[in-house]
C-alpha cells in the first residue's frame, strides 16, 4: 500500500510538471502575427505558402491553411511549424476556392488574409 501511494504521488508530480508548458509570467500574451501568403495552382492541387512575422511569447505549434468552397471545408497542415510554411491541398475538382492561413502558438491562433484560387 505504501508503494502504491508513493507511485500515485510521483504520477501526480510528473503530470503537474508536464502540464506547466512555457513560463510566460510577466508577459502580455500574444498569438502569432501572419504576413503575406500566396497560392500556386498545379493541376488539381494548390501549393499554399504563408509567413509568420512574429510569435513573441511562445514557439509556433502548428501552421497551415483552412480551405474550401461552398460545399467543401478542409484543412492542410504544414509538415513543420516554421516562420515560412507551405502546405498542399488534396486533389480538388474544378471550381473556385478560398484558403485562409493560420498559425497557432501557446498563446492562441491567428488567421491571415483570405486567398482565392481557381482549379480548371
C-alpha atoms as a PDB file:
ATOM      1  CA  UNK A   1       0.000   0.000   0.000  1.00  0.00           C
ATOM      2  CA  UNK A   2       2.858   2.367   0.820  1.00  0.00           C
ATOM      3  CA  UNK A   3       4.449   1.762  -2.606  1.00  0.00           C
ATOM      4  CA  UNK A   4       1.108   2.396  -4.260  1.00  0.00           C
ATOM      5  CA  UNK A   5       0.736   5.789  -2.563  1.00  0.00           C
ATOM      6  CA  UNK A   6       4.291   6.687  -3.495  1.00  0.00           C
ATOM      7  CA  UNK A   7       3.579   5.744  -7.114  1.00  0.00           C
ATOM      8  CA  UNK A   8       0.424   7.884  -7.168  1.00  0.00           C
ATOM      9  CA  UNK A   9       2.332  10.831  -5.727  1.00  0.00           C
ATOM     10  CA  UNK A  10       5.055  10.509  -8.369  1.00  0.00           C
ATOM     11  CA  UNK A  11       2.458  10.329 -11.138  1.00  0.00           C
ATOM     12  CA  UNK A  12       0.725  13.472  -9.860  1.00  0.00           C
ATOM     13  CA  UNK A  13       4.009  15.374  -9.647  1.00  0.00           C
ATOM     14  CA  UNK A  14       5.017  14.350 -13.162  1.00  0.00           C
ATOM     15  CA  UNK A  15       1.614  15.422 -14.524  1.00  0.00           C
ATOM     16  CA  UNK A  16       1.966  18.799 -12.845  1.00  0.00           C
ATOM     17  CA  UNK A  17       5.430  19.295 -14.308  1.00  0.00           C
ATOM     18  CA  UNK A  18       4.300  18.180 -17.767  1.00  0.00           C
ATOM     19  CA  UNK A  19       1.247  20.466 -17.838  1.00  0.00           C
ATOM     20  CA  UNK A  20       3.116  23.655 -16.958  1.00  0.00           C
ATOM     21  CA  UNK A  21       4.289  24.483 -20.505  1.00  0.00           C
ATOM     22  CA  UNK A  22       6.332  27.585 -21.227  1.00  0.00           C
ATOM     23  CA  UNK A  23       6.707  30.063 -18.372  1.00  0.00           C
ATOM     24  CA  UNK A  24       5.321  33.368 -19.613  1.00  0.00           C
ATOM     25  CA  UNK A  25       4.701  35.065 -16.281  1.00  0.00           C
ATOM     26  CA  UNK A  26       5.072  38.804 -16.509  1.00  0.00           C
ATOM     27  CA  UNK A  27       4.494  38.883 -20.278  1.00  0.00           C
ATOM     28  CA  UNK A  28       1.433  40.003 -22.164  1.00  0.00           C
ATOM     29  CA  UNK A  29       0.140  37.052 -24.202  1.00  0.00           C
ATOM     30  CA  UNK A  30       0.233  37.401 -27.988  1.00  0.00           C
ATOM     31  CA  UNK A  31      -0.922  34.996 -30.644  1.00  0.00           C
ATOM     32  CA  UNK A  32       1.252  34.810 -33.796  1.00  0.00           C
ATOM     33  CA  UNK A  33       1.145  37.541 -36.437  1.00  0.00           C
ATOM     34  CA  UNK A  34       0.735  36.400 -40.023  1.00  0.00           C
ATOM     35  CA  UNK A  35       2.192  38.189 -43.023  1.00  0.00           C
ATOM     36  CA  UNK A  36       1.868  37.645 -46.753  1.00  0.00           C
ATOM     37  CA  UNK A  37       0.604  34.401 -48.213  1.00  0.00           C
ATOM     38  CA  UNK A  38       0.433  33.060 -51.752  1.00  0.00           C
ATOM     39  CA  UNK A  39      -1.030  30.260 -53.825  1.00  0.00           C
ATOM     40  CA  UNK A  40       0.235  28.390 -56.876  1.00  0.00           C
ATOM     41  CA  UNK A  41      -2.198  26.043 -58.620  1.00  0.00           C
ATOM     42  CA  UNK A  42      -0.666  22.919 -60.157  1.00  0.00           C
ATOM     43  CA  UNK A  43      -3.197  20.646 -61.845  1.00  0.00           C
ATOM     44  CA  UNK A  44      -5.855  19.718 -59.311  1.00  0.00           C
ATOM     45  CA  UNK A  45      -3.931  20.858 -56.208  1.00  0.00           C
ATOM     46  CA  UNK A  46      -2.855  24.178 -54.727  1.00  0.00           C
ATOM     47  CA  UNK A  47       0.533  24.853 -53.139  1.00  0.00           C
ATOM     48  CA  UNK A  48      -0.109  27.372 -50.375  1.00  0.00           C
ATOM     49  CA  UNK A  49       2.658  29.403 -48.723  1.00  0.00           C
ATOM     50  CA  UNK A  50       2.308  31.593 -45.659  1.00  0.00           C
ATOM     51  CA  UNK A  51       4.571  33.602 -43.379  1.00  0.00           C
ATOM     52  CA  UNK A  52       4.564  34.234 -39.654  1.00  0.00           C
ATOM     53  CA  UNK A  53       6.120  37.626 -38.973  1.00  0.00           C
ATOM     54  CA  UNK A  54       6.087  37.331 -35.173  1.00  0.00           C
ATOM     55  CA  UNK A  55       5.406  34.861 -32.397  1.00  0.00           C
ATOM     56  CA  UNK A  56       6.823  36.838 -29.463  1.00  0.00           C
ATOM     57  CA  UNK A  57       5.641  34.932 -26.421  1.00  0.00           C
ATOM     58  CA  UNK A  58       5.654  31.329 -27.490  1.00  0.00           C
ATOM     59  CA  UNK A  59       7.092  28.977 -30.078  1.00  0.00           C
ATOM     60  CA  UNK A  60       4.939  28.006 -33.061  1.00  0.00           C
ATOM     61  CA  UNK A  61       2.974  24.794 -32.631  1.00  0.00           C
ATOM     62  CA  UNK A  62       1.051  24.486 -35.894  1.00  0.00           C
ATOM     63  CA  UNK A  63       0.786  26.319 -39.211  1.00  0.00           C
ATOM     64  CA  UNK A  64      -1.425  25.623 -42.193  1.00  0.00           C
ATOM     65  CA  UNK A  65      -4.440  26.630 -44.222  1.00  0.00           C
ATOM     66  CA  UNK A  66      -8.172  26.155 -43.977  1.00  0.00           C
ATOM     67  CA  UNK A  67      -9.562  25.920 -47.477  1.00  0.00           C
ATOM     68  CA  UNK A  68     -12.743  25.103 -49.319  1.00  0.00           C
ATOM     69  CA  UNK A  69     -15.667  26.409 -51.318  1.00  0.00           C
ATOM     70  CA  UNK A  70     -19.438  26.475 -50.856  1.00  0.00           C
ATOM     71  CA  UNK A  71     -19.597  22.687 -50.342  1.00  0.00           C
ATOM     72  CA  UNK A  72     -16.116  21.796 -49.029  1.00  0.00           C
ATOM     73  CA  UNK A  73     -14.299  22.692 -45.843  1.00  0.00           C
ATOM     74  CA  UNK A  74     -10.863  21.171 -45.256  1.00  0.00           C
ATOM     75  CA  UNK A  75      -7.502  21.856 -43.668  1.00  0.00           C
ATOM     76  CA  UNK A  76      -3.934  21.246 -44.779  1.00  0.00           C
ATOM     77  CA  UNK A  77      -1.167  21.452 -42.191  1.00  0.00           C
ATOM     78  CA  UNK A  78       2.462  22.345 -42.866  1.00  0.00           C
ATOM     79  CA  UNK A  79       4.899  19.498 -42.091  1.00  0.00           C
ATOM     80  CA  UNK A  80       6.741  21.748 -39.605  1.00  0.00           C
ATOM     81  CA  UNK A  81       5.610  24.958 -37.874  1.00  0.00           C
ATOM     82  CA  UNK A  82       8.167  27.385 -39.338  1.00  0.00           C
ATOM     83  CA  UNK A  83       8.079  31.176 -39.935  1.00  0.00           C
ATOM     84  CA  UNK A  84       7.676  30.413 -43.643  1.00  0.00           C
ATOM     85  CA  UNK A  85       5.430  27.414 -44.167  1.00  0.00           C
ATOM     86  CA  UNK A  86       3.976  25.554 -47.132  1.00  0.00           C
ATOM     87  CA  UNK A  87       1.045  23.167 -47.315  1.00  0.00           C
ATOM     88  CA  UNK A  88      -0.594  21.347 -50.219  1.00  0.00           C
ATOM     89  CA  UNK A  89      -4.311  20.772 -50.681  1.00  0.00           C
ATOM     90  CA  UNK A  90      -5.818  17.412 -51.523  1.00  0.00           C
ATOM     91  CA  UNK A  91      -6.910  16.819 -55.122  1.00  0.00           C
ATOM     92  CA  UNK A  92      -9.709  19.260 -55.909  1.00  0.00           C
ATOM     93  CA  UNK A  93     -12.421  19.327 -58.533  1.00  0.00           C
ATOM     94  CA  UNK A  94     -12.853  22.217 -60.945  1.00  0.00           C
ATOM     95  CA  UNK A  95     -14.154  25.397 -59.335  1.00  0.00           C
ATOM     96  CA  UNK A  96     -13.460  28.466 -57.230  1.00  0.00           C
ATOM     97  CA  UNK A  97     -11.822  28.010 -53.818  1.00  0.00           C
ATOM     98  CA  UNK A  98     -10.625  30.045 -50.854  1.00  0.00           C
ATOM     99  CA  UNK A  99      -7.738  29.440 -48.445  1.00  0.00           C
ATOM    100  CA  UNK A 100      -7.098  31.125 -45.081  1.00  0.00           C
ATOM    101  CA  UNK A 101      -3.643  30.811 -43.474  1.00  0.00           C
ATOM    102  CA  UNK A 102      -3.435  30.197 -39.747  1.00  0.00           C
ATOM    103  CA  UNK A 103      -0.711  29.841 -37.135  1.00  0.00           C
ATOM    104  CA  UNK A 104      -1.016  28.595 -33.558  1.00  0.00           C
ATOM    105  CA  UNK A 105       1.345  29.065 -30.628  1.00  0.00           C
ATOM    106  CA  UNK A 106       0.902  28.557 -26.890  1.00  0.00           C
ATOM    107  CA  UNK A 107      -0.992  31.849 -26.592  1.00  0.00           C
ATOM    108  CA  UNK A 108      -3.578  31.379 -29.343  1.00  0.00           C
ATOM    109  CA  UNK A 109      -4.395  31.043 -33.025  1.00  0.00           C
ATOM    110  CA  UNK A 110      -4.280  33.810 -35.637  1.00  0.00           C
ATOM    111  CA  UNK A 111      -5.659  33.908 -39.160  1.00  0.00           C
ATOM    112  CA  UNK A 112      -4.339  35.765 -42.192  1.00  0.00           C
ATOM    113  CA  UNK A 113      -5.954  37.288 -45.254  1.00  0.00           C
ATOM    114  CA  UNK A 114      -8.111  35.078 -47.463  1.00  0.00           C
ATOM    115  CA  UNK A 115      -6.640  33.844 -50.746  1.00  0.00           C
ATOM    116  CA  UNK A 116      -8.836  32.925 -53.709  1.00  0.00           C
ATOM    117  CA  UNK A 117      -7.857  30.490 -56.457  1.00  0.00           C
ATOM    118  CA  UNK A 118      -9.427  28.574 -59.326  1.00  0.00           C
ATOM    119  CA  UNK A 119      -8.940  24.926 -60.291  1.00  0.00           C
ATOM    120  CA  UNK A 120      -9.579  24.471 -64.016  1.00  0.00           C
END
